[in-house]
Amino acid sequence: MKIKIPSFVFFIFTLVLMNSLIAIPKSEVLEPPQEDPYAAFAETMPAPIGGLEAIIKRIVYPEMAKKAGLSGKLYLLIYVDEQGKVDDVKVIKGLGGGCDEAAVKAVKDSKFTPGKNGDIAVKVKLSLPVTFKMK
């Protein structure tokens, strides 16, 4: 007596067998994205103590940029922790001529009021445009 196996069962068996024979190198296995501990928004966003003017006062216009007549806008991404301390600053779009470094230093030297959700302080990231203009 001959048993007839439906073709779809044979197909599934073949797929399972082939899948077990194929080894995927660890370097090609995709890891799930890591969750960012910094929120993009909070009910109360972090704010520099003394306002944006306090950051602007800390910026020293680089000599190289002055000599080159460089002016324009750069964009920073600022990571503020639960105490209002700046953990990190990344340049999203730079200007060059030392302006990026001057803006990053001014922000790192600043203190912020922490972001909050309700009464709970949270880590928040925020973007900040900085304009350099020759006077």
C-alpha atoms as a PDB file:
ATOM      1  CA  MET A   1       0.000   0.000   0.000  1.00  0.00           C
ATOM      2  CA  LYS A   2       1.415   3.323  -1.086  1.00  0.00           C
ATOM      3  CA  ILE A   3       0.710   6.468   0.994  1.00  0.00           C
ATOM      4  CA  LYS A   4       0.263   9.663  -0.948  1.00  0.00           C
ATOM      5  CA  ILE A   5       1.682  12.749   0.813  1.00  0.00           C
ATOM      6  CA  PRO A   6       0.034  16.016  -0.191  1.00  0.00           C
ATOM      7  CA  SER A   7       2.425  18.353  -2.003  1.00  0.00           C
ATOM      8  CA  PHE A   8       2.014  21.213   0.488  1.00  0.00           C
ATOM      9  CA  VAL A   9       3.164  18.915   3.359  1.00  0.00           C
ATOM     10  CA  PHE A  10       6.232  17.952   1.335  1.00  0.00           C
ATOM     11  CA  PHE A  11       6.900  21.655   0.603  1.00  0.00           C
ATOM     12  CA  ILE A  12       6.691  22.641   4.294  1.00  0.00           C
ATOM     13  CA  PHE A  13       8.904  19.707   5.299  1.00  0.00           C
ATOM     14  CA  THR A  14      11.482  20.787   2.715  1.00  0.00           C
ATOM     15  CA  LEU A  15      11.428  24.394   3.982  1.00  0.00           C
ATOM     16  CA  VAL A  16      11.928  23.313   7.592  1.00  0.00           C
ATOM     17  CA  LEU A  17      14.769  20.997   6.624  1.00  0.00           C
ATOM     18  CA  MET A  18      16.501  23.653   4.493  1.00  0.00           C
ATOM     19  CA  ASN A  19      16.095  26.271   7.206  1.00  0.00           C
ATOM     20  CA  SER A  20      17.785  24.030   9.754  1.00  0.00           C
ATOM     21  CA  LEU A  21      20.691  23.391   7.379  1.00  0.00           C
ATOM     22  CA  ILE A  22      21.363  27.037   6.629  1.00  0.00           C
ATOM     23  CA  ALA A  23      23.421  28.759   9.314  1.00  0.00           C
ATOM     24  CA  ILE A  24      23.147  32.538   9.537  1.00  0.00           C
ATOM     25  CA  PRO A  25      26.394  34.155  10.686  1.00  0.00           C
ATOM     26  CA  LYS A  26      25.959  36.099  13.932  1.00  0.00           C
ATOM     27  CA  SER A  27      27.139  39.293  12.226  1.00  0.00           C
ATOM     28  CA  GLU A  28      24.143  39.144   9.883  1.00  0.00           C
ATOM     29  CA  VAL A  29      21.533  38.658  12.598  1.00  0.00           C
ATOM     30  CA  LEU A  30      19.675  41.914  13.107  1.00  0.00           C
ATOM     31  CA  GLU A  31      19.405  43.115  16.674  1.00  0.00           C
ATOM     32  CA  PRO A  32      16.261  44.923  17.756  1.00  0.00           C
ATOM     33  CA  PRO A  33      16.793  48.678  18.028  1.00  0.00           C
ATOM     34  CA  GLN A  34      17.851  49.870  21.459  1.00  0.00           C
ATOM     35  CA  GLU A  35      15.305  51.972  23.280  1.00  0.00           C
ATOM     36  CA  ASP A  36      16.442  55.568  23.723  1.00  0.00           C
ATOM     37  CA  PRO A  37      16.266  56.557  27.421  1.00  0.00           C
ATOM     38  CA  TYR A  38      15.821  60.214  26.386  1.00  0.00           C
ATOM     39  CA  ALA A  39      12.279  61.284  25.542  1.00  0.00           C
ATOM     40  CA  ALA A  40      11.725  63.503  22.511  1.00  0.00           C
ATOM     41  CA  PHE A  41       8.951  65.361  24.347  1.00  0.00           C
ATOM     42  CA  ALA A  42       7.901  66.045  27.914  1.00  0.00           C
ATOM     43  CA  GLU A  43       4.945  67.907  29.415  1.00  0.00           C
ATOM     44  CA  THR A  44       7.461  70.497  30.593  1.00  0.00           C
ATOM     45  CA  MET A  45      10.506  70.679  28.333  1.00  0.00           C
ATOM     46  CA  PRO A  46      13.972  71.450  29.710  1.00  0.00           C
ATOM     47  CA  ALA A  47      14.953  75.120  29.519  1.00  0.00           C
ATOM     48  CA  PRO A  48      18.308  76.795  30.035  1.00  0.00           C
ATOM     49  CA  ILE A  49      18.559  78.571  33.375  1.00  0.00           C
ATOM     50  CA  GLY A  50      18.786  82.262  32.486  1.00  0.00           C
ATOM     51  CA  GLY A  51      17.082  81.618  29.147  1.00  0.00           C
ATOM     52  CA  LEU A  52      18.662  81.296  25.735  1.00  0.00           C
ATOM     53  CA  GLU A  53      20.456  84.580  26.409  1.00  0.00           C
ATOM     54  CA  ALA A  54      22.584  82.774  29.008  1.00  0.00           C
ATOM     55  CA  ILE A  55      23.805  80.325  26.355  1.00  0.00           C
ATOM     56  CA  ILE A  56      24.341  83.084  23.781  1.00  0.00           C
ATOM     57  CA  LYS A  57      26.494  85.036  26.263  1.00  0.00           C
ATOM     58  CA  ARG A  58      28.730  81.969  26.686  1.00  0.00           C
ATOM     59  CA  ILE A  59      29.404  81.618  22.951  1.00  0.00           C
ATOM     60  CA  VAL A  60      32.729  83.019  21.830  1.00  0.00           C
ATOM     61  CA  TYR A  61      32.743  83.782  18.086  1.00  0.00           C
ATOM     62  CA  PRO A  62      35.789  81.858  16.783  1.00  0.00           C
ATOM     63  CA  GLU A  63      38.597  83.966  15.278  1.00  0.00           C
ATOM     64  CA  MET A  64      38.788  81.641  12.283  1.00  0.00           C
ATOM     65  CA  ALA A  65      35.091  82.242  11.547  1.00  0.00           C
ATOM     66  CA  LYS A  66      35.519  86.010  12.003  1.00  0.00           C
ATOM     67  CA  LYS A  67      38.467  86.137   9.583  1.00  0.00           C
ATOM     68  CA  ALA A  68      36.548  84.067   7.020  1.00  0.00           C
ATOM     69  CA  GLY A  69      33.415  86.204   7.453  1.00  0.00           C
ATOM     70  CA  LEU A  70      31.534  83.016   8.290  1.00  0.00           C
ATOM     71  CA  SER A  71      27.957  83.363   9.469  1.00  0.00           C
ATOM     72  CA  GLY A  72      24.930  81.105   9.408  1.00  0.00           C
ATOM     73  CA  LYS A  73      22.898  78.674  11.462  1.00  0.00           C
ATOM     74  CA  LEU A  74      23.872  75.356  13.010  1.00  0.00           C
ATOM     75  CA  TYR A  75      21.670  72.828  14.785  1.00  0.00           C
ATOM     76  CA  LEU A  76      22.437  70.957  18.001  1.00  0.00           C
ATOM     77  CA  LEU A  77      20.797  67.970  19.679  1.00  0.00           C
ATOM     78  CA  ILE A  78      21.047  68.356  23.463  1.00  0.00           C
ATOM     79  CA  TYR A  79      20.599  65.481  25.940  1.00  0.00           C
ATOM     80  CA  VAL A  80      19.442  66.745  29.352  1.00  0.00           C
ATOM     81  CA  ASP A  81      19.183  64.409  32.355  1.00  0.00           C
ATOM     82  CA  GLU A  82      16.702  64.427  35.247  1.00  0.00           C
ATOM     83  CA  GLN A  83      18.767  66.955  37.241  1.00  0.00           C
ATOM     84  CA  GLY A  84      19.046  69.423  34.334  1.00  0.00           C
ATOM     85  CA  LYS A  85      22.658  68.505  33.576  1.00  0.00           C
ATOM     86  CA  VAL A  86      23.694  68.331  29.918  1.00  0.00           C
ATOM     87  CA  ASP A  87      24.838  64.743  29.335  1.00  0.00           C
ATOM     88  CA  ASP A  88      25.767  65.140  25.672  1.00  0.00           C
ATOM     89  CA  VAL A  89      25.523  67.523  22.727  1.00  0.00           C
ATOM     90  CA  LYS A  90      25.609  66.402  19.093  1.00  0.00           C
ATOM     91  CA  VAL A  91      25.918  68.634  16.047  1.00  0.00           C
ATOM     92  CA  ILE A  92      23.033  67.815  13.684  1.00  0.00           C
ATOM     93  CA  LYS A  93      24.014  70.331  11.007  1.00  0.00           C
ATOM     94  CA  GLY A  94      27.290  72.144  11.428  1.00  0.00           C
ATOM     95  CA  LEU A  95      28.641  75.460  10.213  1.00  0.00           C
ATOM     96  CA  GLY A  96      32.385  74.901  10.528  1.00  0.00           C
ATOM     97  CA  GLY A  97      35.128  77.422  11.252  1.00  0.00           C
ATOM     98  CA  GLY A  98      35.102  76.539  14.942  1.00  0.00           C
ATOM     99  CA  CYS A  99      31.451  77.610  15.339  1.00  0.00           C
ATOM    100  CA  ASP A 100      30.249  74.058  16.037  1.00  0.00           C
ATOM    101  CA  GLU A 101      32.748  73.614  18.860  1.00  0.00           C
ATOM    102  CA  ALA A 102      31.997  77.060  20.353  1.00  0.00           C
ATOM    103  CA  ALA A 103      28.245  76.335  20.426  1.00  0.00           C
ATOM    104  CA  VAL A 104      28.724  72.850  21.918  1.00  0.00           C
ATOM    105  CA  LYS A 105      31.006  74.251  24.655  1.00  0.00           C
ATOM    106  CA  ALA A 106      28.505  76.995  25.525  1.00  0.00           C
ATOM    107  CA  VAL A 107      25.668  74.471  25.845  1.00  0.00           C
ATOM    108  CA  LYS A 108      27.755  72.002  27.887  1.00  0.00           C
ATOM    109  CA  ASP A 109      28.670  74.815  30.280  1.00  0.00           C
ATOM    110  CA  SER A 110      24.969  75.641  30.786  1.00  0.00           C
ATOM    111  CA  LYS A 111      22.543  74.252  33.335  1.00  0.00           C
ATOM    112  CA  PHE A 112      18.917  73.486  32.459  1.00  0.00           C
ATOM    113  CA  THR A 113      15.718  73.093  34.395  1.00  0.00           C
ATOM    114  CA  PRO A 114      14.863  69.410  33.955  1.00  0.00           C
ATOM    115  CA  GLY A 115      12.078  68.168  31.734  1.00  0.00           C
ATOM    116  CA  LYS A 116       9.050  66.845  33.586  1.00  0.00           C
ATOM    117  CA  ASN A 117       6.060  64.627  33.022  1.00  0.00           C
ATOM    118  CA  GLY A 118       3.715  65.678  35.784  1.00  0.00           C
ATOM    119  CA  ASP A 119       5.910  65.979  38.872  1.00  0.00           C
ATOM    120  CA  ILE A 120       8.461  63.423  37.665  1.00  0.00           C
ATOM    121  CA  ALA A 121      11.747  64.661  36.184  1.00  0.00           C
ATOM    122  CA  VAL A 122      12.692  62.820  32.971  1.00  0.00           C
ATOM    123  CA  LYS A 123      15.596  62.635  30.544  1.00  0.00           C
ATOM    124  CA  VAL A 124      14.802  64.648  27.426  1.00  0.00           C
ATOM    125  CA  LYS A 125      16.568  65.424  24.165  1.00  0.00           C
ATOM    126  CA  LEU A 126      15.886  68.683  22.410  1.00  0.00           C
ATOM    127  CA  SER A 127      17.166  70.482  19.359  1.00  0.00           C
ATOM    128  CA  LEU A 128      18.547  73.993  19.389  1.00  0.00           C
ATOM    129  CA  PRO A 129      19.344  76.217  16.405  1.00  0.00           C
ATOM    130  CA  VAL A 130      22.287  78.565  16.955  1.00  0.00           C
ATOM    131  CA  THR A 131      22.842  81.520  14.633  1.00  0.00           C
ATOM    132  CA  PHE A 132      26.262  83.047  14.104  1.00  0.00           C
ATOM    133  CA  LYS A 133      26.078  86.524  12.596  1.00  0.00           C
ATOM    134  CA  MET A 134      28.860  89.021  12.042  1.00  0.00           C
ATOM    135  CA  LYS A 135      28.154  92.344  13.732  1.00  0.00           C
END
